[in-house]
C-alpha atoms as a PDB file:
ATOM      1  CA  UNK A   1       8.199  81.021 -61.562  1.00  0.00           C
ATOM      2  CA  UNK A   2       8.727  79.711 -58.195  1.00  0.00           C
ATOM      3  CA  UNK A   3      10.180  76.059 -58.198  1.00  0.00           C
ATOM      4  CA  UNK A   4       9.226  73.735 -55.320  1.00  0.00           C
ATOM      5  CA  UNK A   5      12.169  72.276 -54.252  1.00  0.00           C
ATOM      6  CA  UNK A   6      10.932  69.939 -51.388  1.00  0.00           C
ATOM      7  CA  UNK A   7       9.733  67.037 -53.773  1.00  0.00           C
ATOM      8  CA  UNK A   8      13.134  67.170 -55.810  1.00  0.00           C
ATOM      9  CA  UNK A   9      15.003  66.778 -52.469  1.00  0.00           C
ATOM     10  CA  UNK A  10      12.944  64.123 -51.344  1.00  0.00           C
ATOM     11  CA  UNK A  11      13.365  62.065 -54.451  1.00  0.00           C
ATOM     12  CA  UNK A  12      17.210  62.671 -54.284  1.00  0.00           C
ATOM     13  CA  UNK A  13      17.267  61.499 -50.824  1.00  0.00           C
ATOM     14  CA  UNK A  14      15.356  58.381 -51.770  1.00  0.00           C
ATOM     15  CA  UNK A  15      17.749  57.578 -54.615  1.00  0.00           C
ATOM     16  CA  UNK A  16      20.804  58.157 -52.399  1.00  0.00           C
ATOM     17  CA  UNK A  17      19.436  55.650 -49.781  1.00  0.00           C
ATOM     18  CA  UNK A  18      18.493  53.212 -52.621  1.00  0.00           C
ATOM     19  CA  UNK A  19      22.179  53.481 -53.947  1.00  0.00           C
ATOM     20  CA  UNK A  20      23.485  52.992 -50.362  1.00  0.00           C
ATOM     21  CA  UNK A  21      21.241  49.866 -49.870  1.00  0.00           C
ATOM     22  CA  UNK A  22      22.241  48.497 -53.258  1.00  0.00           C
ATOM     23  CA  UNK A  23      25.694  48.862 -52.563  1.00  0.00           C
ATOM     24  CA  UNK A  24      25.566  47.222 -49.242  1.00  0.00           C
ATOM     25  CA  UNK A  25      23.528  44.256 -50.884  1.00  0.00           C
ATOM     26  CA  UNK A  26      26.263  44.023 -53.588  1.00  0.00           C
ATOM     27  CA  UNK A  27      28.977  43.961 -51.162  1.00  0.00           C
ATOM     28  CA  UNK A  28      27.221  41.439 -49.049  1.00  0.00           C
ATOM     29  CA  UNK A  29      26.854  39.290 -52.216  1.00  0.00           C
ATOM     30  CA  UNK A  30      30.436  39.538 -52.969  1.00  0.00           C
ATOM     31  CA  UNK A  31      31.430  38.510 -49.224  1.00  0.00           C
ATOM     32  CA  UNK A  32      29.084  35.698 -49.571  1.00  0.00           C
ATOM     33  CA  UNK A  33      30.608  34.435 -52.938  1.00  0.00           C
ATOM     34  CA  UNK A  34      33.966  34.911 -51.352  1.00  0.00           C
ATOM     35  CA  UNK A  35      33.080  32.764 -48.488  1.00  0.00           C
ATOM     36  CA  UNK A  36      31.467  30.177 -50.589  1.00  0.00           C
ATOM     37  CA  UNK A  37      34.652  29.642 -52.541  1.00  0.00           C
ATOM     38  CA  UNK A  38      34.876  26.065 -51.247  1.00  0.00           C
ATOM     39  CA  UNK A  39      33.672  22.607 -52.214  1.00  0.00           C
ATOM     40  CA  UNK A  40      32.396  19.933 -50.064  1.00  0.00           C
ATOM     41  CA  UNK A  41      32.509  16.259 -51.410  1.00  0.00           C
ATOM     42  CA  UNK A  42      32.165  12.702 -50.085  1.00  0.00           C
ATOM     43  CA  UNK A  43      34.908  10.046 -50.775  1.00  0.00           C
ATOM     44  CA  UNK A  44      34.086   6.179 -50.717  1.00  0.00           C
ATOM     45  CA  UNK A  45      36.213   3.161 -50.601  1.00  0.00           C
ATOM     46  CA  UNK A  46      35.403  -0.572 -50.158  1.00  0.00           C
ATOM     47  CA  UNK A  47      37.109  -3.839 -50.393  1.00  0.00           C
ATOM     48  CA  UNK A  48      36.494  -7.448 -49.710  1.00  0.00           C
ATOM     49  CA  UNK A  49      38.115  -8.828 -46.614  1.00  0.00           C
ATOM     50  CA  UNK A  50      38.347 -12.337 -45.172  1.00  0.00           C
ATOM     51  CA  UNK A  51      37.839 -13.200 -41.635  1.00  0.00           C
ATOM     52  CA  UNK A  52      40.671 -14.491 -39.606  1.00  0.00           C
ATOM     53  CA  UNK A  53      38.963 -16.055 -36.755  1.00  0.00           C
ATOM     54  CA  UNK A  54      35.708 -18.035 -36.420  1.00  0.00           C
ATOM     55  CA  UNK A  55      33.838 -19.750 -33.647  1.00  0.00           C
ATOM     56  CA  UNK A  56      30.744 -21.764 -33.088  1.00  0.00           C
ATOM     57  CA  UNK A  57      28.663 -22.587 -29.960  1.00  0.00           C
ATOM     58  CA  UNK A  58      27.624 -26.146 -28.832  1.00  0.00           C
ATOM     59  CA  UNK A  59      25.173 -27.030 -26.063  1.00  0.00           C
ATOM     60  CA  UNK A  60      24.986 -30.528 -24.666  1.00  0.00           C
ATOM     61  CA  UNK A  61      21.812 -31.322 -22.630  1.00  0.00           C
ATOM     62  CA  UNK A  62      21.148 -34.220 -20.466  1.00  0.00           C
ATOM     63  CA  UNK A  63      18.114 -35.247 -18.539  1.00  0.00           C
ATOM     64  CA  UNK A  64      17.467 -37.607 -15.527  1.00  0.00           C
ATOM     65  CA  UNK A  65      15.102 -38.261 -12.675  1.00  0.00           C
ATOM     66  CA  UNK A  66      17.987 -37.913 -10.049  1.00  0.00           C
ATOM     67  CA  UNK A  67      20.760 -35.202 -10.074  1.00  0.00           C
ATOM     68  CA  UNK A  68      23.372 -37.910  -9.424  1.00  0.00           C
ATOM     69  CA  UNK A  69      22.718 -39.935 -12.437  1.00  0.00           C
ATOM     70  CA  UNK A  70      22.191 -36.696 -14.600  1.00  0.00           C
ATOM     71  CA  UNK A  71      25.724 -35.754 -13.684  1.00  0.00           C
ATOM     72  CA  UNK A  72      26.970 -39.271 -14.639  1.00  0.00           C
ATOM     73  CA  UNK A  73      25.269 -39.118 -18.018  1.00  0.00           C
ATOM     74  CA  UNK A  74      26.564 -35.566 -18.592  1.00  0.00           C
ATOM     75  CA  UNK A  75      30.244 -36.731 -17.909  1.00  0.00           C
ATOM     76  CA  UNK A  76      29.956 -39.775 -20.270  1.00  0.00           C
ATOM     77  CA  UNK A  77      28.356 -37.752 -22.996  1.00  0.00           C
ATOM     78  CA  UNK A  78      30.589 -34.761 -22.589  1.00  0.00           C
ATOM     79  CA  UNK A  79      33.704 -37.105 -23.159  1.00  0.00           C
ATOM     80  CA  UNK A  80      32.191 -38.386 -26.342  1.00  0.00           C
ATOM     81  CA  UNK A  81      31.411 -34.520 -27.363  1.00  0.00           C
ATOM     82  CA  UNK A  82      35.000 -33.634 -26.846  1.00  0.00           C
ATOM     83  CA  UNK A  83      36.426 -36.440 -28.729  1.00  0.00           C
ATOM     84  CA  UNK A  84      34.109 -35.569 -31.775  1.00  0.00           C
ATOM     85  CA  UNK A  85      35.308 -31.902 -31.645  1.00  0.00           C
ATOM     86  CA  UNK A  86      38.937 -32.983 -31.623  1.00  0.00           C
ATOM     87  CA  UNK A  87      38.176 -35.589 -34.222  1.00  0.00           C
ATOM     88  CA  UNK A  88      36.948 -32.585 -36.608  1.00  0.00           C
ATOM     89  CA  UNK A  89      40.512 -31.036 -36.370  1.00  0.00           C
ATOM     90  CA  UNK A  90      40.331 -28.629 -33.292  1.00  0.00           C
ATOM     91  CA  UNK A  91      42.784 -28.897 -30.343  1.00  0.00           C
ATOM     92  CA  UNK A  92      42.417 -28.308 -26.496  1.00  0.00           C
ATOM     93  CA  UNK A  93      43.440 -24.626 -26.883  1.00  0.00           C
ATOM     94  CA  UNK A  94      40.592 -23.828 -29.292  1.00  0.00           C
ATOM     95  CA  UNK A  95      37.892 -25.575 -26.939  1.00  0.00           C
ATOM     96  CA  UNK A  96      36.417 -23.766 -24.104  1.00  0.00           C
ATOM     97  CA  UNK A  97      34.082 -25.509 -21.774  1.00  0.00           C
ATOM     98  CA  UNK A  98      31.759 -23.341 -19.433  1.00  0.00           C
ATOM     99  CA  UNK A  99      30.072 -24.132 -16.192  1.00  0.00           C
ATOM    100  CA  UNK A 100      27.175 -26.538 -16.206  1.00  0.00           C
ATOM    101  CA  UNK A 101      23.793 -25.028 -15.877  1.00  0.00           C
ATOM    102  CA  UNK A 102      21.227 -26.970 -13.848  1.00  0.00           C
ATOM    103  CA  UNK A 103      17.314 -26.788 -13.999  1.00  0.00           C
ATOM    104  CA  UNK A 104      14.805 -28.611 -11.727  1.00  0.00           C
ATOM    105  CA  UNK A 105      11.825 -29.456 -14.055  1.00  0.00           C
ATOM    106  CA  UNK A 106       8.658 -29.901 -12.058  1.00  0.00           C
ATOM    107  CA  UNK A 107       5.777 -32.225 -12.644  1.00  0.00           C
ATOM    108  CA  UNK A 108       2.419 -30.898 -13.729  1.00  0.00           C
ATOM    109  CA  UNK A 109      -1.194 -31.642 -12.546  1.00  0.00           C
ATOM    110  CA  UNK A 110      -4.033 -32.731 -14.959  1.00  0.00           C
ATOM    111  CA  UNK A 111      -4.529 -29.025 -15.634  1.00  0.00           C
ATOM    112  CA  UNK A 112      -1.031 -28.384 -16.708  1.00  0.00           C
ATOM    113  CA  UNK A 113       0.050 -26.464 -13.826  1.00  0.00           C
ATOM    114  CA  UNK A 114       3.432 -26.919 -12.198  1.00  0.00           C
ATOM    115  CA  UNK A 115       3.426 -28.810  -8.806  1.00  0.00           C
ATOM    116  CA  UNK A 116       6.179 -28.731  -6.176  1.00  0.00           C
ATOM    117  CA  UNK A 117       7.287 -32.320  -7.038  1.00  0.00           C
ATOM    118  CA  UNK A 118      10.496 -32.625  -9.107  1.00  0.00           C
ATOM    119  CA  UNK A 119      10.006 -34.573 -12.159  1.00  0.00           C
ATOM    120  CA  UNK A 120      13.591 -34.453 -13.586  1.00  0.00           C
ATOM    121  CA  UNK A 121      16.847 -32.655 -13.591  1.00  0.00           C
ATOM    122  CA  UNK A 122      18.135 -31.001 -16.676  1.00  0.00           C
ATOM    123  CA  UNK A 123      21.850 -30.163 -17.159  1.00  0.00           C
ATOM    124  CA  UNK A 124      23.449 -28.169 -19.843  1.00  0.00           C
ATOM    125  CA  UNK A 125      27.061 -27.979 -20.814  1.00  0.00           C
ATOM    126  CA  UNK A 126      27.919 -24.889 -22.957  1.00  0.00           C
ATOM    127  CA  UNK A 127      31.021 -25.366 -25.130  1.00  0.00           C
ATOM    128  CA  UNK A 128      32.756 -22.881 -27.611  1.00  0.00           C
ATOM    129  CA  UNK A 129      35.194 -23.681 -30.473  1.00  0.00           C
ATOM    130  CA  UNK A 130      37.181 -20.711 -31.709  1.00  0.00           C
ATOM    131  CA  UNK A 131      39.979 -21.104 -34.270  1.00  0.00           C
ATOM    132  CA  UNK A 132      41.808 -18.945 -36.889  1.00  0.00           C
ATOM    133  CA  UNK A 133      41.184 -21.838 -39.240  1.00  0.00           C
ATOM    134  CA  UNK A 134      37.990 -20.338 -40.297  1.00  0.00           C
ATOM    135  CA  UNK A 135      37.629 -22.983 -43.225  1.00  0.00           C
ATOM    136  CA  UNK A 136      37.540 -25.573 -40.841  1.00  0.00           C
ATOM    137  CA  UNK A 137      35.029 -23.974 -38.754  1.00  0.00           C
ATOM    138  CA  UNK A 138      32.838 -23.717 -41.706  1.00  0.00           C
ATOM    139  CA  UNK A 139      33.197 -27.171 -42.979  1.00  0.00           C
ATOM    140  CA  UNK A 140      33.478 -29.013 -39.619  1.00  0.00           C
ATOM    141  CA  UNK A 141      30.916 -27.665 -37.266  1.00  0.00           C
ATOM    142  CA  UNK A 142      27.935 -29.430 -38.901  1.00  0.00           C
ATOM    143  CA  UNK A 143      29.703 -32.752 -38.125  1.00  0.00           C
ATOM    144  CA  UNK A 144      29.062 -32.217 -34.330  1.00  0.00           C
ATOM    145  CA  UNK A 145      25.264 -32.906 -35.236  1.00  0.00           C
ATOM    146  CA  UNK A 146      26.074 -36.425 -35.956  1.00  0.00           C
ATOM    147  CA  UNK A 147      25.932 -37.067 -32.234  1.00  0.00           C
ATOM    148  CA  UNK A 148      22.361 -36.909 -32.477  1.00  0.00           C
ATOM    149  CA  UNK A 149      22.118 -40.137 -34.259  1.00  0.00           C
ATOM    150  CA  UNK A 150      23.672 -41.713 -31.048  1.00  0.00           C
ATOM    151  CA  UNK A 151      21.167 -40.265 -28.819  1.00  0.00           C
ATOM    152  CA  UNK A 152      23.349 -37.314 -27.509  1.00  0.00           C
ATOM    153  CA  UNK A 153      21.340 -34.211 -27.449  1.00  0.00           C
ATOM    154  CA  UNK A 154      23.498 -31.413 -28.808  1.00  0.00           C
ATOM    155  CA  UNK A 155      22.698 -28.098 -30.398  1.00  0.00           C
ATOM    156  CA  UNK A 156      25.145 -26.631 -32.603  1.00  0.00           C
ATOM    157  CA  UNK A 157      24.729 -22.849 -33.429  1.00  0.00           C
ATOM    158  CA  UNK A 158      25.817 -21.367 -36.712  1.00  0.00           C
ATOM    159  CA  UNK A 159      29.350 -20.113 -36.694  1.00  0.00           C
ATOM    160  CA  UNK A 160      30.488 -16.413 -36.345  1.00  0.00           C
ATOM    161  CA  UNK A 161      33.196 -15.026 -38.203  1.00  0.00           C
ATOM    162  CA  UNK A 162      35.562 -12.001 -36.948  1.00  0.00           C
ATOM    163  CA  UNK A 163      38.296  -9.902 -38.183  1.00  0.00           C
ATOM    164  CA  UNK A 164      40.985  -9.453 -35.544  1.00  0.00           C
ATOM    165  CA  UNK A 165      43.302  -7.104 -37.649  1.00  0.00           C
ATOM    166  CA  UNK A 166      40.396  -4.712 -38.763  1.00  0.00           C
ATOM    167  CA  UNK A 167      42.594  -1.484 -37.927  1.00  0.00           C
ATOM    168  CA  UNK A 168      44.799  -2.165 -40.883  1.00  0.00           C
ATOM    169  CA  UNK A 169      41.943  -2.149 -43.290  1.00  0.00           C
ATOM    170  CA  UNK A 170      40.553   1.010 -41.727  1.00  0.00           C
ATOM    171  CA  UNK A 171      43.811   2.879 -42.595  1.00  0.00           C
ATOM    172  CA  UNK A 172      43.829   1.460 -46.163  1.00  0.00           C
ATOM    173  CA  UNK A 173      40.404   2.442 -46.842  1.00  0.00           C
ATOM    174  CA  UNK A 174      40.641   5.777 -45.431  1.00  0.00           C
ATOM    175  CA  UNK A 175      43.474   6.682 -47.778  1.00  0.00           C
ATOM    176  CA  UNK A 176      41.580   5.277 -50.642  1.00  0.00           C
ATOM    177  CA  UNK A 177      38.478   7.186 -49.843  1.00  0.00           C
ATOM    178  CA  UNK A 178      40.324  10.386 -49.403  1.00  0.00           C
ATOM    179  CA  UNK A 179      41.816  10.054 -52.862  1.00  0.00           C
ATOM    180  CA  UNK A 180      38.474   9.249 -54.223  1.00  0.00           C
ATOM    181  CA  UNK A 181      37.021  12.364 -52.762  1.00  0.00           C
ATOM    182  CA  UNK A 182      39.944  14.559 -54.056  1.00  0.00           C
ATOM    183  CA  UNK A 183      39.259  13.126 -57.589  1.00  0.00           C
ATOM    184  CA  UNK A 184      35.626  13.863 -57.252  1.00  0.00           C
ATOM    185  CA  UNK A 185      36.449  17.435 -56.044  1.00  0.00           C
ATOM    186  CA  UNK A 186      38.815  17.996 -58.915  1.00  0.00           C
ATOM    187  CA  UNK A 187      36.304  17.001 -61.506  1.00  0.00           C
ATOM    188  CA  UNK A 188      33.706  19.283 -60.229  1.00  0.00           C
ATOM    189  CA  UNK A 189      36.091  22.236 -59.909  1.00  0.00           C
ATOM    190  CA  UNK A 190      37.317  21.686 -63.639  1.00  0.00           C
ATOM    191  CA  UNK A 191      33.595  21.562 -64.765  1.00  0.00           C
ATOM    192  CA  UNK A 192      33.339  25.128 -63.059  1.00  0.00           C
ATOM    193  CA  UNK A 193      36.394  26.468 -64.387  1.00  0.00           C
ATOM    194  CA  UNK A 194      38.325  26.361 -61.070  1.00  0.00           C
ATOM    195  CA  UNK A 195      40.741  23.957 -59.466  1.00  0.00           C
ATOM    196  CA  UNK A 196      41.185  22.491 -56.150  1.00  0.00           C
ATOM    197  CA  UNK A 197      43.345  24.038 -53.377  1.00  0.00           C
ATOM    198  CA  UNK A 198      44.228  23.025 -49.830  1.00  0.00           C
ATOM    199  CA  UNK A 199      42.124  20.690 -47.853  1.00  0.00           C
ATOM    200  CA  UNK A 200      40.507  22.546 -45.062  1.00  0.00           C
ATOM    201  CA  UNK A 201      38.380  19.751 -43.164  1.00  0.00           C
ATOM    202  CA  UNK A 202      38.022  16.096 -43.176  1.00  0.00           C
ATOM    203  CA  UNK A 203      35.551  13.984 -41.339  1.00  0.00           C
ATOM    204  CA  UNK A 204      35.549  10.229 -41.234  1.00  0.00           C
ATOM    205  CA  UNK A 205      32.232   8.358 -41.617  1.00  0.00           C
ATOM    206  CA  UNK A 206      31.255   4.998 -39.796  1.00  0.00           C
ATOM    207  CA  UNK A 207      33.294   2.126 -40.685  1.00  0.00           C
ATOM    208  CA  UNK A 208      30.909  -0.633 -42.052  1.00  0.00           C
ATOM    209  CA  UNK A 209      31.506  -4.309 -42.375  1.00  0.00           C
ATOM    210  CA  UNK A 210      28.799  -5.967 -44.305  1.00  0.00           C
ATOM    211  CA  UNK A 211      27.999  -9.289 -46.059  1.00  0.00           C
ATOM    212  CA  UNK A 212      28.883  -9.313 -49.641  1.00  0.00           C
ATOM    213  CA  UNK A 213      26.543  -7.356 -51.982  1.00  0.00           C
ATOM    214  CA  UNK A 214      24.713  -5.971 -48.860  1.00  0.00           C
ATOM    215  CA  UNK A 215      23.399  -2.580 -48.700  1.00  0.00           C
ATOM    216  CA  UNK A 216      22.833  -2.600 -44.963  1.00  0.00           C
ATOM    217  CA  UNK A 217      24.410   0.443 -42.885  1.00  0.00           C
ATOM    218  CA  UNK A 218      23.873   2.017 -39.586  1.00  0.00           C
ATOM    219  CA  UNK A 219      24.668   5.217 -37.770  1.00  0.00           C
ATOM    220  CA  UNK A 220      26.727   2.981 -35.436  1.00  0.00           C
ATOM    221  CA  UNK A 221      28.392   0.829 -38.105  1.00  0.00           C
ATOM    222  CA  UNK A 222      27.463  -2.701 -39.247  1.00  0.00           C
ATOM    223  CA  UNK A 223      29.663  -5.633 -38.283  1.00  0.00           C
ATOM    224  CA  UNK A 224      28.520  -8.873 -40.287  1.00  0.00           C
ATOM    225  CA  UNK A 225      29.352 -12.084 -38.354  1.00  0.00           C
ATOM    226  CA  UNK A 226      27.769 -14.561 -40.760  1.00  0.00           C
ATOM    227  CA  UNK A 227      30.146 -14.510 -43.577  1.00  0.00           C
ATOM    228  CA  UNK A 228      33.682 -15.516 -43.937  1.00  0.00           C
ATOM    229  CA  UNK A 229      34.295 -13.091 -46.671  1.00  0.00           C
ATOM    230  CA  UNK A 230      32.968  -9.469 -45.988  1.00  0.00           C
ATOM    231  CA  UNK A 231      32.905  -6.097 -47.695  1.00  0.00           C
ATOM    232  CA  UNK A 232      34.558  -3.503 -45.521  1.00  0.00           C
ATOM    233  CA  UNK A 233      33.691   0.247 -46.484  1.00  0.00           C
ATOM    234  CA  UNK A 234      33.916   3.628 -45.490  1.00  0.00           C
ATOM    235  CA  UNK A 235      32.796   7.174 -46.420  1.00  0.00           C
ATOM    236  CA  UNK A 236      34.772  10.435 -45.646  1.00  0.00           C
ATOM    237  CA  UNK A 237      33.503  14.028 -46.066  1.00  0.00           C
ATOM    238  CA  UNK A 238      36.299  16.371 -47.469  1.00  0.00           C
ATOM    239  CA  UNK A 239      36.278  20.189 -47.763  1.00  0.00           C
ATOM    240  CA  UNK A 240      38.557  21.970 -50.184  1.00  0.00           C
ATOM    241  CA  UNK A 241      39.282  25.539 -51.073  1.00  0.00           C
ATOM    242  CA  UNK A 242      38.578  26.387 -54.788  1.00  0.00           C
ATOM    243  CA  UNK A 243      41.234  28.473 -56.561  1.00  0.00           C
END
């Protein structure tokens, strides 16, 4: 009986190709697994910090029919304003006086449209108080509003608080966040029967300074200016080799 060998050879060839393909796939799998022998984690750290500088902004406004009388009125009232600020506990070095702004306010006709005739002159004197005594800034800035009772038109803006030595907190928080990430990596590795090896990469996230209990973050970093006590926080991304 004559045996047809072609189908047998064809089947053998297909089996060999299949074995080669399977072997290649398995080798690729081992290579991928070998390359994936690392772990990436995020470390987090935060701490409460106190501002070491504060400031508030005051605007004194006067109005008069003539420019000359407006300046006289401004000089008299600015002297009272300066005395009030110093009475609140701030010295000359902490007070900055800016240039006077002048506006010509025009009369309006019966239809409410401005004419070319000057009604009165308005002068504004901006003053900034800046001090390292942040508690005094918080407690005393509202006292300036008492001048309103004497007919002196002042506008006091809410204080802003800053941290001059912010870099020292960055370094401290980076170290704490890195330790936090390392501990997380070790815990995950132990759960998988491995242990953490060397650190292969580290990436610092954006430094955030927010109001207490605030969850606000941004890609460019938050910087709260409304609170004396703030929450400084940072995230780092760490990649370790698994052993």
